[in-house]
Every structure is written in C-alpha cells, then in structure tokens.
C-alpha atoms as a PDB file:
ATOM      1  CA  MET A   1      91.095  95.443 123.627  1.00  0.00           C
ATOM      2  CA  LYS A   2      89.839  94.843 127.148  1.00  0.00           C
ATOM      3  CA  LYS A   3      93.366  93.153 128.107  1.00  0.00           C
ATOM      4  CA  ILE A   4      95.292  96.013 126.899  1.00  0.00           C
ATOM      5  CA  ILE A   5      93.169  98.793 128.200  1.00  0.00           C
ATOM      6  CA  LEU A   6      94.565  97.683 131.764  1.00  0.00           C
ATOM      7  CA  ILE A   7      97.672  99.450 131.142  1.00  0.00           C
ATOM      8  CA  ALA A   8      95.796 103.009 131.229  1.00  0.00           C
ATOM      9  CA  ALA A   9      94.762 102.425 134.972  1.00  0.00           C
ATOM     10  CA  ILE A  10      97.912 103.652 136.748  1.00  0.00           C
ATOM     11  CA  ALA A  11     100.056 106.623 137.364  1.00  0.00           C
ATOM     12  CA  ILE A  12     102.244 105.809 134.219  1.00  0.00           C
ATOM     13  CA  PRO A  13      99.772 104.278 131.777  1.00  0.00           C
ATOM     14  CA  LEU A  14     101.973 101.853 130.084  1.00  0.00           C
ATOM     15  CA  ALA A  15     102.971  99.762 133.201  1.00  0.00           C
ATOM     16  CA  VAL A  16     100.422  96.701 133.076  1.00  0.00           C
ATOM     17  CA  ALA A  17      98.467  96.288 136.204  1.00  0.00           C
ATOM     18  CA  GLY A  18      99.386  93.365 138.035  1.00  0.00           C
ATOM     19  CA  ILE A  19     102.555  93.229 136.044  1.00  0.00           C
ATOM     20  CA  VAL A  20     105.510  90.734 137.480  1.00  0.00           C
ATOM     21  CA  SER A  21     108.737  91.573 138.244  1.00  0.00           C
ATOM     22  CA  TYR A  22     110.507  89.920 135.393  1.00  0.00           C
ATOM     23  CA  ASN A  23     113.603  89.561 137.476  1.00  0.00           C
ATOM     24  CA  LEU A  24     114.522  92.941 136.126  1.00  0.00           C
ATOM     25  CA  CYS A  25     115.384  94.100 139.447  1.00  0.00           C
ATOM     26  CA  LYS A  26     116.696  90.691 140.837  1.00  0.00           C
ATOM     27  CA  SER A  27     119.731  90.790 142.876  1.00  0.00           C
ATOM     28  CA  LYS A  28     122.757  89.386 140.954  1.00  0.00           C
ATOM     29  CA  PRO A  29     124.996  86.562 142.834  1.00  0.00           C
ATOM     30  CA  VAL A  30     127.632  87.920 144.811  1.00  0.00           C
ATOM     31  CA  SER A  31     130.059  85.450 143.128  1.00  0.00           C
ATOM     32  CA  ARG A  32     129.405  86.499 139.541  1.00  0.00           C
ATOM     33  CA  ARG A  33     133.034  87.988 139.371  1.00  0.00           C
ATOM     34  CA  GLN A  34     134.663  85.078 140.994  1.00  0.00           C
ATOM     35  CA  ASN A  35     136.725  82.303 138.902  1.00  0.00           C
ATOM     36  CA  ILE A  36     137.762  84.607 136.470  1.00  0.00           C
ATOM     37  CA  GLU A  37     140.005  82.434 134.523  1.00  0.00           C
ATOM     38  CA  ALA A  38     136.835  79.734 134.237  1.00  0.00           C
ATOM     39  CA  ARG A  39     134.802  82.733 132.742  1.00  0.00           C
ATOM     40  CA  THR A  40     137.431  84.169 130.422  1.00  0.00           C
ATOM     41  CA  ALA A  41     137.816  80.230 129.127  1.00  0.00           C
ATOM     42  CA  SER A  42     134.055  80.048 128.546  1.00  0.00           C
ATOM     43  CA  TRP A  43     133.964  83.398 126.769  1.00  0.00           C
ATOM     44  CA  ALA A  44     136.562  82.520 124.379  1.00  0.00           C
ATOM     45  CA  ARG A  45     134.760  79.186 123.497  1.00  0.00           C
ATOM     46  CA  LEU A  46     131.707  81.249 122.980  1.00  0.00           C
ATOM     47  CA  LYS A  47     133.619  83.473 120.297  1.00  0.00           C
ATOM     48  CA  GLU A  48     134.555  80.334 118.671  1.00  0.00           C
ATOM     49  CA  TYR A  49     130.978  78.879 118.491  1.00  0.00           C
ATOM     50  CA  VAL A  50     129.443  82.100 117.179  1.00  0.00           C
ATOM     51  CA  LYS A  51     131.777  82.019 114.359  1.00  0.00           C
ATOM     52  CA  LYS A  52     131.045  78.497 113.416  1.00  0.00           C
ATOM     53  CA  ALA A  53     127.543  79.219 113.841  1.00  0.00           C
ATOM     54  CA  THR A  54     127.403  82.049 111.267  1.00  0.00           C
ATOM     55  CA  ALA A  55     129.619  80.242 108.773  1.00  0.00           C
ATOM     56  CA  GLY A  56     128.111  79.467 105.355  1.00  0.00           C
ATOM     57  CA  TYR A  57     124.917  81.757 106.309  1.00  0.00           C
ATOM     58  CA  ARG A  58     123.398  83.021 103.053  1.00  0.00           C
ATOM     59  CA  GLY A  59     123.481  86.479 103.701  1.00  0.00           C
ATOM     60  CA  ASP A  60     124.362  89.439 106.078  1.00  0.00           C
ATOM     61  CA  VAL A  61     124.611  88.909 109.897  1.00  0.00           C
ATOM     62  CA  ALA A  62     124.975  91.861 112.346  1.00  0.00           C
ATOM     63  CA  ILE A  63     125.741  90.823 115.889  1.00  0.00           C
ATOM     64  CA  VAL A  64     126.326  92.367 119.156  1.00  0.00           C
ATOM     65  CA  ILE A  65     126.430  89.824 122.010  1.00  0.00           C
ATOM     66  CA  LYS A  66     127.448  91.240 125.357  1.00  0.00           C
ATOM     67  CA  ASP A  67     128.085  90.099 128.856  1.00  0.00           C
ATOM     68  CA  LEU A  68     126.528  92.887 131.045  1.00  0.00           C
ATOM     69  CA  ASP A  69     128.499  92.205 134.114  1.00  0.00           C
ATOM     70  CA  MET A  70     131.973  92.222 132.580  1.00  0.00           C
ATOM     71  CA  ASP A  71     131.728  94.476 129.598  1.00  0.00           C
ATOM     72  CA  TRP A  72     132.904  91.850 127.301  1.00  0.00           C
ATOM     73  CA  GLN A  73     131.285  91.918 123.774  1.00  0.00           C
ATOM     74  CA  ILE A  74     131.307  90.103 120.747  1.00  0.00           C
ATOM     75  CA  GLU A  75     130.019  91.861 117.548  1.00  0.00           C
ATOM     76  CA  ALA A  76     130.116  91.584 113.772  1.00  0.00           C
ATOM     77  CA  ASN A  77     129.112  94.303 111.120  1.00  0.00           C
ATOM     78  CA  ARG A  78     128.019  96.645 113.741  1.00  0.00           C
ATOM     79  CA  ASP A  79     127.512  99.577 111.877  1.00  0.00           C
ATOM     80  CA  MET A  80     126.202  97.851 108.609  1.00  0.00           C
ATOM     81  CA  PRO A  81     122.932  99.522 107.742  1.00  0.00           C
ATOM     82  CA  ILE A  82     119.950  96.868 107.417  1.00  0.00           C
ATOM     83  CA  PRO A  83     116.188  97.346 106.942  1.00  0.00           C
ATOM     84  CA  SER A  84     114.896  97.588 110.396  1.00  0.00           C
ATOM     85  CA  ALA A  85     111.342  96.180 109.963  1.00  0.00           C
ATOM     86  CA  SER A  86     109.595  96.145 113.211  1.00  0.00           C
ATOM     87  CA  LEU A  87     112.750  96.949 115.086  1.00  0.00           C
ATOM     88  CA  VAL A  88     111.934 100.509 114.649  1.00  0.00           C
ATOM     89  CA  LYS A  89     108.881 100.173 117.043  1.00  0.00           C
ATOM     90  CA  ILE A  90     111.498 100.538 120.036  1.00  0.00           C
ATOM     91  CA  PRO A  91     112.698 104.052 119.096  1.00  0.00           C
ATOM     92  CA  ILE A  92     108.936 104.773 118.525  1.00  0.00           C
ATOM     93  CA  MET A  93     108.097 103.854 121.833  1.00  0.00           C
ATOM     94  CA  LEU A  94     110.846 105.588 123.394  1.00  0.00           C
ATOM     95  CA  ALA A  95     109.770 108.767 121.450  1.00  0.00           C
ATOM     96  CA  TYR A  96     106.278 108.516 123.170  1.00  0.00           C
ATOM     97  CA  PHE A  97     107.990 108.385 126.669  1.00  0.00           C
ATOM     98  CA  ALA A  98     109.881 111.453 125.787  1.00  0.00           C
ATOM     99  CA  ALA A  99     107.080 113.381 124.328  1.00  0.00           C
ATOM    100  CA  VAL A 100     105.041 112.480 127.425  1.00  0.00           C
ATOM    101  CA  GLU A 101     107.877 113.816 129.651  1.00  0.00           C
ATOM    102  CA  GLU A 102     108.310 117.032 127.697  1.00  0.00           C
ATOM    103  CA  GLY A 103     104.639 117.393 127.905  1.00  0.00           C
ATOM    104  CA  LYS A 104     103.928 117.332 124.419  1.00  0.00           C
ATOM    105  CA  ILE A 105     101.458 114.815 124.696  1.00  0.00           C
ATOM    106  CA  LYS A 106      99.556 112.122 127.285  1.00  0.00           C
ATOM    107  CA  PHE A 107      99.343 108.875 127.149  1.00  0.00           C
ATOM    108  CA  SER A 108      95.468 109.251 127.915  1.00  0.00           C
ATOM    109  CA  ASP A 109      95.183 111.311 124.628  1.00  0.00           C
ATOM    110  CA  THR A 110      93.338 109.564 121.813  1.00  0.00           C
ATOM    111  CA  ILE A 111      93.957 108.698 118.103  1.00  0.00           C
ATOM    112  CA  GLU A 112      91.244 107.939 115.782  1.00  0.00           C
ATOM    113  CA  LEU A 113      91.362 104.898 113.722  1.00  0.00           C
ATOM    114  CA  LYS A 114      90.973 105.328 109.882  1.00  0.00           C
ATOM    115  CA  ARG A 115      89.959 102.851 107.411  1.00  0.00           C
ATOM    116  CA  SER A 116      93.534 103.945 105.685  1.00  0.00           C
ATOM    117  CA  ASP A 117      95.275 103.189 108.702  1.00  0.00           C
ATOM    118  CA  LYS A 118      94.493  99.437 108.370  1.00  0.00           C
ATOM    119  CA  VAL A 119      97.381  97.053 107.302  1.00  0.00           C
ATOM    120  CA  SER A 120      98.248  93.474 107.137  1.00  0.00           C
ATOM    121  CA  GLY A 121     100.549  91.713 109.588  1.00  0.00           C
ATOM    122  CA  SER A 122     100.770  91.352 113.013  1.00  0.00           C
ATOM    123  CA  GLY A 123      98.198  92.719 115.788  1.00  0.00           C
ATOM    124  CA  LEU A 124      94.407  92.895 116.091  1.00  0.00           C
ATOM    125  CA  VAL A 125      94.054  96.834 116.087  1.00  0.00           C
ATOM    126  CA  LYS A 126      93.263  96.081 112.425  1.00  0.00           C
ATOM    127  CA  ASN A 127      89.980  94.450 113.291  1.00  0.00           C
ATOM    128  CA  GLY A 128      88.647  97.393 114.992  1.00  0.00           C
ATOM    129  CA  SER A 129      85.770  99.695 113.816  1.00  0.00           C
ATOM    130  CA  ALA A 130      86.809 102.609 111.769  1.00  0.00           C
ATOM    131  CA  GLY A 131      86.073 105.799 113.610  1.00  0.00           C
ATOM    132  CA  SER A 132      87.073 103.980 117.035  1.00  0.00           C
ATOM    133  CA  ASN A 133      89.097 105.862 119.355  1.00  0.00           C
ATOM    134  CA  TYR A 134      92.494 104.721 120.975  1.00  0.00           C
ATOM    135  CA  LYS A 135      94.320 105.728 123.865  1.00  0.00           C
ATOM    136  CA  ILE A 136      98.041 106.228 123.098  1.00  0.00           C
ATOM    137  CA  ALA A 137      99.089 103.732 125.622  1.00  0.00           C
ATOM    138  CA  ASP A 138      96.402 101.153 124.334  1.00  0.00           C
ATOM    139  CA  LEU A 139      98.368 101.704 121.024  1.00  0.00           C
ATOM    140  CA  ILE A 140     102.079 101.308 122.411  1.00  0.00           C
ATOM    141  CA  TYR A 141     101.328  98.116 124.345  1.00  0.00           C
ATOM    142  CA  PRO A 142      99.867  95.980 121.161  1.00  0.00           C
ATOM    143  CA  MET A 143     102.696  97.779 118.929  1.00  0.00           C
ATOM    144  CA  ILE A 144     105.299  96.266 121.291  1.00  0.00           C
ATOM    145  CA  THR A 145     104.074  92.918 122.605  1.00  0.00           C
ATOM    146  CA  GLU A 146     102.404  92.021 119.364  1.00  0.00           C
ATOM    147  CA  SER A 147     104.047  93.943 116.702  1.00  0.00           C
ATOM    148  CA  ASP A 148     100.772  95.405 115.864  1.00  0.00           C
ATOM    149  CA  ASN A 149     101.498  97.219 112.429  1.00  0.00           C
ATOM    150  CA  THR A 150      98.153  99.390 112.425  1.00  0.00           C
ATOM    151  CA  ALA A 151      98.846 100.351 116.025  1.00  0.00           C
ATOM    152  CA  ALA A 152     102.453 101.608 114.746  1.00  0.00           C
ATOM    153  CA  ASN A 153     101.150 103.412 111.955  1.00  0.00           C
ATOM    154  CA  MET A 154      98.561 105.229 114.011  1.00  0.00           C
ATOM    155  CA  LEU A 155     101.143 106.229 116.439  1.00  0.00           C
ATOM    156  CA  ILE A 156     103.554 107.324 113.640  1.00  0.00           C
ATOM    157  CA  ASP A 157     100.850 109.636 112.039  1.00  0.00           C
ATOM    158  CA  ARG A 158     100.429 111.249 115.421  1.00  0.00           C
ATOM    159  CA  LEU A 159     103.807 112.522 116.103  1.00  0.00           C
ATOM    160  CA  GLY A 160     104.923 112.535 112.413  1.00  0.00           C
ATOM    161  CA  LEU A 161     108.324 111.142 110.455  1.00  0.00           C
ATOM    162  CA  ASP A 162     110.190 114.379 111.167  1.00  0.00           C
ATOM    163  CA  GLU A 163     109.317 114.568 114.836  1.00  0.00           C
ATOM    164  CA  LEU A 164     110.205 111.046 115.422  1.00  0.00           C
ATOM    165  CA  ASN A 165     113.401 111.273 113.313  1.00  0.00           C
ATOM    166  CA  ARG A 166     114.185 114.077 115.458  1.00  0.00           C
ATOM    167  CA  TYR A 167     113.771 112.121 118.717  1.00  0.00           C
ATOM    168  CA  PHE A 168     115.764 109.098 117.125  1.00  0.00           C
ATOM    169  CA  LEU A 169     118.805 111.648 116.712  1.00  0.00           C
ATOM    170  CA  LYS A 170     118.186 112.920 120.117  1.00  0.00           C
ATOM    171  CA  PHE A 171     118.544 109.672 121.482  1.00  0.00           C
ATOM    172  CA  GLY A 172     121.888 108.907 119.759  1.00  0.00           C
ATOM    173  CA  LEU A 173     120.520 106.795 117.090  1.00  0.00           C
ATOM    174  CA  LYS A 174     122.911 107.540 114.039  1.00  0.00           C
ATOM    175  CA  HIS A 175     122.060 105.183 111.878  1.00  0.00           C
ATOM    176  CA  THR A 176     118.332 104.677 112.515  1.00  0.00           C
ATOM    177  CA  ASN A 177     115.602 106.656 110.262  1.00  0.00           C
ATOM    178  CA  LEU A 178     111.924 106.265 109.797  1.00  0.00           C
ATOM    179  CA  ALA A 179     111.383 107.031 106.065  1.00  0.00           C
ATOM    180  CA  ARG A 180     107.920 105.014 105.715  1.00  0.00           C
ATOM    181  CA  LYS A 181     104.993 103.508 107.445  1.00  0.00           C
ATOM    182  CA  MET A 182     104.912  99.771 108.385  1.00  0.00           C
ATOM    183  CA  MET A 183     103.876  97.359 105.727  1.00  0.00           C
ATOM    184  CA  ASP A 184     104.220 100.142 102.800  1.00  0.00           C
ATOM    185  CA  PHE A 185     105.427  97.913  99.910  1.00  0.00           C
ATOM    186  CA  ARG A 186     104.552 100.559  97.489  1.00  0.00           C
ATOM    187  CA  LEU A 187     107.380 102.927  98.927  1.00  0.00           C
ATOM    188  CA  ARG A 188     109.632  99.907  99.957  1.00  0.00           C
ATOM    189  CA  LYS A 189     109.559  98.827  95.939  1.00  0.00           C
ATOM    190  CA  ASP A 190     110.636 102.264  95.095  1.00  0.00           C
ATOM    191  CA  GLY A 191     113.657 102.184  97.468  1.00  0.00           C
ATOM    192  CA  ILE A 192     112.304 104.199 100.276  1.00  0.00           C
ATOM    193  CA  GLU A 193     113.092 102.216 103.468  1.00  0.00           C
ATOM    194  CA  ASN A 194     113.551 102.402 107.348  1.00  0.00           C
ATOM    195  CA  TYR A 195     116.882 101.458 108.434  1.00  0.00           C
ATOM    196  CA  THR A 196     118.898 100.767 111.812  1.00  0.00           C
ATOM    197  CA  THR A 197     122.260  98.970 112.689  1.00  0.00           C
ATOM    198  CA  VAL A 198     123.147  96.356 115.692  1.00  0.00           C
ATOM    199  CA  GLY A 199     125.074  98.731 116.972  1.00  0.00           C
ATOM    200  CA  ASP A 200     122.239 101.492 117.310  1.00  0.00           C
ATOM    201  CA  MET A 201     119.745  98.736 118.638  1.00  0.00           C
ATOM    202  CA  ALA A 202     122.603  97.406 121.211  1.00  0.00           C
ATOM    203  CA  ASP A 203     123.319 101.094 122.511  1.00  0.00           C
ATOM    204  CA  ILE A 204     119.749 101.885 123.406  1.00  0.00           C
ATOM    205  CA  LEU A 205     118.596  98.477 124.945  1.00  0.00           C
ATOM    206  CA  GLU A 206     121.954  98.925 127.228  1.00  0.00           C
ATOM    207  CA  ARG A 207     120.818 102.467 128.023  1.00  0.00           C
ATOM    208  CA  LEU A 208     117.476 100.918 128.954  1.00  0.00           C
ATOM    209  CA  TYR A 209     119.405  98.095 131.072  1.00  0.00           C
ATOM    210  CA  ARG A 210     121.428 100.539 132.897  1.00  0.00           C
ATOM    211  CA  GLY A 211     118.463 102.774 133.577  1.00  0.00           C
ATOM    212  CA  GLU A 212     120.011 105.580 131.623  1.00  0.00           C
ATOM    213  CA  PHE A 213     116.853 106.431 129.200  1.00  0.00           C
ATOM    214  CA  LEU A 214     115.177 109.441 130.840  1.00  0.00           C
ATOM    215  CA  SER A 215     115.228 107.896 134.253  1.00  0.00           C
ATOM    216  CA  LYS A 216     115.529 104.659 135.588  1.00  0.00           C
ATOM    217  CA  SER A 217     111.895 104.078 136.157  1.00  0.00           C
ATOM    218  CA  ILE A 218     111.052 104.692 132.695  1.00  0.00           C
ATOM    219  CA  SER A 219     113.841 102.555 131.453  1.00  0.00           C
ATOM    220  CA  LYS A 220     112.203  99.793 133.731  1.00  0.00           C
ATOM    221  CA  LYS A 221     108.643 100.395 132.247  1.00  0.00           C
ATOM    222  CA  CYS A 222     110.198 100.094 128.609  1.00  0.00           C
ATOM    223  CA  LEU A 223     111.869  96.961 129.530  1.00  0.00           C
ATOM    224  CA  GLU A 224     108.735  95.410 131.188  1.00  0.00           C
ATOM    225  CA  LEU A 225     106.969  96.123 127.959  1.00  0.00           C
ATOM    226  CA  LEU A 226     109.668  94.408 125.952  1.00  0.00           C
ATOM    227  CA  ALA A 227     109.113  91.423 128.396  1.00  0.00           C
ATOM    228  CA  GLU A 228     105.548  91.152 127.281  1.00  0.00           C
ATOM    229  CA  GLN A 229     106.463  90.097 123.946  1.00  0.00           C
ATOM    230  CA  LYS A 230     104.603  87.611 122.584  1.00  0.00           C
ATOM    231  CA  ILE A 231     106.534  86.666 119.446  1.00  0.00           C
ATOM    232  CA  ASN A 232     108.934  84.202 120.597  1.00  0.00           C
ATOM    233  CA  ASP A 233     110.326  82.119 118.180  1.00  0.00           C
ATOM    234  CA  ARG A 234     113.811  83.477 118.192  1.00  0.00           C
ATOM    235  CA  ILE A 235     116.015  84.668 121.259  1.00  0.00           C
ATOM    236  CA  PRO A 236     113.602  83.000 123.681  1.00  0.00           C
ATOM    237  CA  LYS A 237     112.712  79.615 121.880  1.00  0.00           C
ATOM    238  CA  LYS A 238     115.625  77.368 122.860  1.00  0.00           C
ATOM    239  CA  LEU A 239     115.991  79.046 126.438  1.00  0.00           C
ATOM    240  CA  PRO A 240     114.311  77.675 129.559  1.00  0.00           C
ATOM    241  CA  HIS A 241     110.705  78.930 129.938  1.00  0.00           C
ATOM    242  CA  ASP A 242     111.301  80.414 133.398  1.00  0.00           C
ATOM    243  CA  ILE A 243     114.133  82.639 131.937  1.00  0.00           C
ATOM    244  CA  THR A 244     112.929  86.491 131.361  1.00  0.00           C
ATOM    245  CA  VAL A 245     113.697  87.806 127.934  1.00  0.00           C
ATOM    246  CA  ALA A 246     112.914  91.564 127.047  1.00  0.00           C
ATOM    247  CA  HIS A 247     113.275  91.924 123.337  1.00  0.00           C
ATOM    248  CA  LYS A 248     111.654  93.013 120.020  1.00  0.00           C
ATOM    249  CA  THR A 249     111.562  90.777 116.758  1.00  0.00           C
ATOM    250  CA  GLY A 250     111.500  92.079 113.318  1.00  0.00           C
ATOM    251  CA  LEU A 251     110.547  90.544 110.047  1.00  0.00           C
ATOM    252  CA  GLU A 252     109.827  91.341 106.518  1.00  0.00           C
ATOM    253  CA  ASN A 253     110.740  89.681 102.992  1.00  0.00           C
ATOM    254  CA  GLY A 254     114.601  89.358 103.124  1.00  0.00           C
ATOM    255  CA  VAL A 255     115.243  90.264 106.932  1.00  0.00           C
ATOM    256  CA  CYS A 256     114.780  88.802 109.936  1.00  0.00           C
ATOM    257  CA  HIS A 257     116.062  90.011 113.302  1.00  0.00           C
ATOM    258  CA  ASP A 258     115.722  89.919 117.237  1.00  0.00           C
ATOM    259  CA  VAL A 259     117.363  92.086 119.743  1.00  0.00           C
ATOM    260  CA  GLY A 260     116.885  91.903 123.665  1.00  0.00           C
ATOM    261  CA  ILE A 261     118.099  91.273 126.924  1.00  0.00           C
ATOM    262  CA  VAL A 262     118.083  87.945 128.563  1.00  0.00           C
ATOM    263  CA  TYR A 263     118.077  87.522 132.608  1.00  0.00           C
ATOM    264  CA  THR A 264     119.707  84.682 133.992  1.00  0.00           C
ATOM    265  CA  PRO A 265     120.808  83.380 137.281  1.00  0.00           C
ATOM    266  CA  LYS A 266     124.469  83.752 136.765  1.00  0.00           C
ATOM    267  CA  GLY A 267     124.426  87.070 135.080  1.00  0.00           C
ATOM    268  CA  ASP A 268     122.446  88.900 132.132  1.00  0.00           C
ATOM    269  CA  PHE A 269     123.292  89.294 128.867  1.00  0.00           C
ATOM    270  CA  MET A 270     122.505  91.155 125.854  1.00  0.00           C
ATOM    271  CA  ILE A 271     121.821  89.704 122.497  1.00  0.00           C
ATOM    272  CA  CYS A 272     121.144  91.555 119.005  1.00  0.00           C
ATOM    273  CA  VAL A 273     120.974  89.808 115.806  1.00  0.00           C
ATOM    274  CA  LEU A 274     119.965  91.266 112.456  1.00  0.00           C
ATOM    275  CA  THR A 275     120.305  89.317 109.414  1.00  0.00           C
ATOM    276  CA  LYS A 276     119.482  90.064 105.664  1.00  0.00           C
ATOM    277  CA  HIS A 277     119.155  87.147 103.837  1.00  0.00           C
ATOM    278  CA  GLU A 278     118.919  85.380 100.427  1.00  0.00           C
ATOM    279  CA  TYR A 279     116.626  82.395 101.442  1.00  0.00           C
ATOM    280  CA  THR A 280     112.914  82.065 100.383  1.00  0.00           C
ATOM    281  CA  THR A 281     111.619  81.741 103.991  1.00  0.00           C
ATOM    282  CA  ALA A 282     112.763  83.269 107.386  1.00  0.00           C
ATOM    283  CA  ARG A 283     113.266  79.745 108.876  1.00  0.00           C
ATOM    284  CA  PRO A 284     116.977  79.751 108.510  1.00  0.00           C
ATOM    285  CA  SER A 285     117.367  83.001 110.180  1.00  0.00           C
ATOM    286  CA  LYS A 286     115.220  82.184 112.988  1.00  0.00           C
ATOM    287  CA  ARG A 287     117.133  79.012 113.740  1.00  0.00           C
ATOM    288  CA  LEU A 288     120.496  80.927 113.506  1.00  0.00           C
ATOM    289  CA  ILE A 289     119.411  83.517 115.934  1.00  0.00           C
ATOM    290  CA  SER A 290     117.767  80.861 118.449  1.00  0.00           C
ATOM    291  CA  ARG A 291     121.266  79.070 118.141  1.00  0.00           C
ATOM    292  CA  LEU A 292     123.184  81.982 118.851  1.00  0.00           C
ATOM    293  CA  SER A 293     120.860  82.789 121.976  1.00  0.00           C
ATOM    294  CA  LEU A 294     121.323  79.255 123.171  1.00  0.00           C
ATOM    295  CA  LEU A 295     124.929  79.430 122.764  1.00  0.00           C
ATOM    296  CA  THR A 296     125.325  82.440 124.834  1.00  0.00           C
ATOM    297  CA  TYR A 297     122.868  81.142 127.649  1.00  0.00           C
ATOM    298  CA  ASN A 298     125.092  78.083 127.683  1.00  0.00           C
ATOM    299  CA  TYR A 299     128.228  80.179 128.223  1.00  0.00           C
ATOM    300  CA  TYR A 300     127.180  80.819 131.465  1.00  0.00           C
ATOM    301  CA  SER A 301     127.181  77.133 132.727  1.00  0.00           C
ATOM    302  CA  GLY A 302     131.079  76.802 131.711  1.00  0.00           C
ATOM    303  CA  PHE A 303     131.934  78.895 135.048  1.00  0.00           C
END
C-alpha cells in the first residue's frame, strides 16, 4: 500500500507523485490534416478491416472507434445495453471527483475496511486487515489501475448506489446504471445487473480527452489515472511499448471489454469495444479487441 499512498501527497491527491506526462499534452504534428485523400482512403480501408475482423464472432460486439482529430467514427451497436463489469469503475471515479468539487467529501477522508467488504478478483485491498482505514484517494487509485473490486465496493458503500446513479445521469450517461456491488454473483444470478453502452463509455472518454469534464485539470488527472492501468492484455497488447494508452478493462463471465484513448505520433484515437460472448473463456474476445486496436493504430501508417 506504500506505493499508492503517494497519490495523497499533493494538492489533488489522485495525481501520482512524479507522474510522467504520458504524452497527454504532447503537441500534435502540424501536418496531421495534410494529405486528406490518403487519410480518407486509409480510413475507408480501416472500416473494411473492422468489418472483417468482427465477422464470425460468437456473440455481440459493440464498437466505437474514433479519429479524435478528424472526428471520423466507426461504430456498431452504440446503444446496446451490455453488462458493464469493471467499466462502471470509470463513472464511479468521476463521481468522486464531482463530489469533492461540490465539497461533499475530501480525498483525504477515510473508509474502514470491513471483513464483509472483501471480495475475490483483481486487487490487493482485500488482503488488508479488517478495521484498517483507507483514504478515498488510496482506494480510487487501485480501483482504476488494478481494477480492485474490494476498493470499488468500499467506494460504492461510501456514496451509495442512489447517489452514484444520480451522478451518472448528471454526467449524461443515459444507459449506465449501478444496481449491485462488484462480484455480487447472487444478485447477478437473480437478474440484477450493472449495464452500460459503448456509446456512454465513448462519450465520457471524449469529454475527458477534450478537457470538458468539470475542468481541464481534472479531466487530465482522470486520464493520467487511466494511463496507469496495469491490465494491458487488450487494447495495448499489440501496440508498441512506448505508446501511451489511457484505458479501463472489464471482465466477467460472458463479457469482456476495454475502452480507452491511444496517443500516437500521428494522431490520437479512441477505441471502445464491449463484447457479450458465448465462448467458454474470454480469450477470443481479448484477441478481437487487441486486433481491432492494432488495425486502428496501423491506419495512421497509411498517410
């Protein structure tokens, strides 16, 4: 936990001490809009490649791929409700930033870890001792970067389902809800589920990218947290190691997602892929997402 305590040490506690820039504010090439014909042709090829890549997939695929400079977009099943899995942790993070801005809470406020809070899955907070106190900042960081389920559940309890859902609506997330805590398979079996759409995820990510969520500085801090993601077996998997990806994954039985912003020397793109599949494992979905990410990255080599 010493590692994550660093985030509480500066003015906005969620900014990691000594964090690198992640190229989030890197100047873009002046010539990016030049040679429009080549760029248009490359985008047309990408559309065909995406169509072929998804053909034969056993399940539903919801996609938003966007060239963030040209505002060109490829999408499929934009408003299809799909169980959100850990993608819901993005709007939970945003709700906490909003609550702090409104003076309802502070990032330095603490939450006690109860034995009943501990759940399986990603993250190390579950290994902490019951009765330990964690700063809100020290829970948001692992919830995003390690997809820590116990940290997420502690944060859900602190604001409550109703308050979080009110924030989701306030953010314009029309199809995103929080009906149960993470890893609550009993409620999931009873049909109580958290849902989102690829459109909702794309809209909020683009607001962060444009600096339009609360403020430019807060938008940047959220992207910096997403760029610290430790689970990189989907969007970033086939990309060069020096490429920055600010993203969040989601994984449960029958669903596999990844949504994020990819920063490249020739331009930045957004890729959001949600899948609801019929496979016995998530491997085919992960391969599909990493394939779509690589195809989109390669689009920039065509101009």
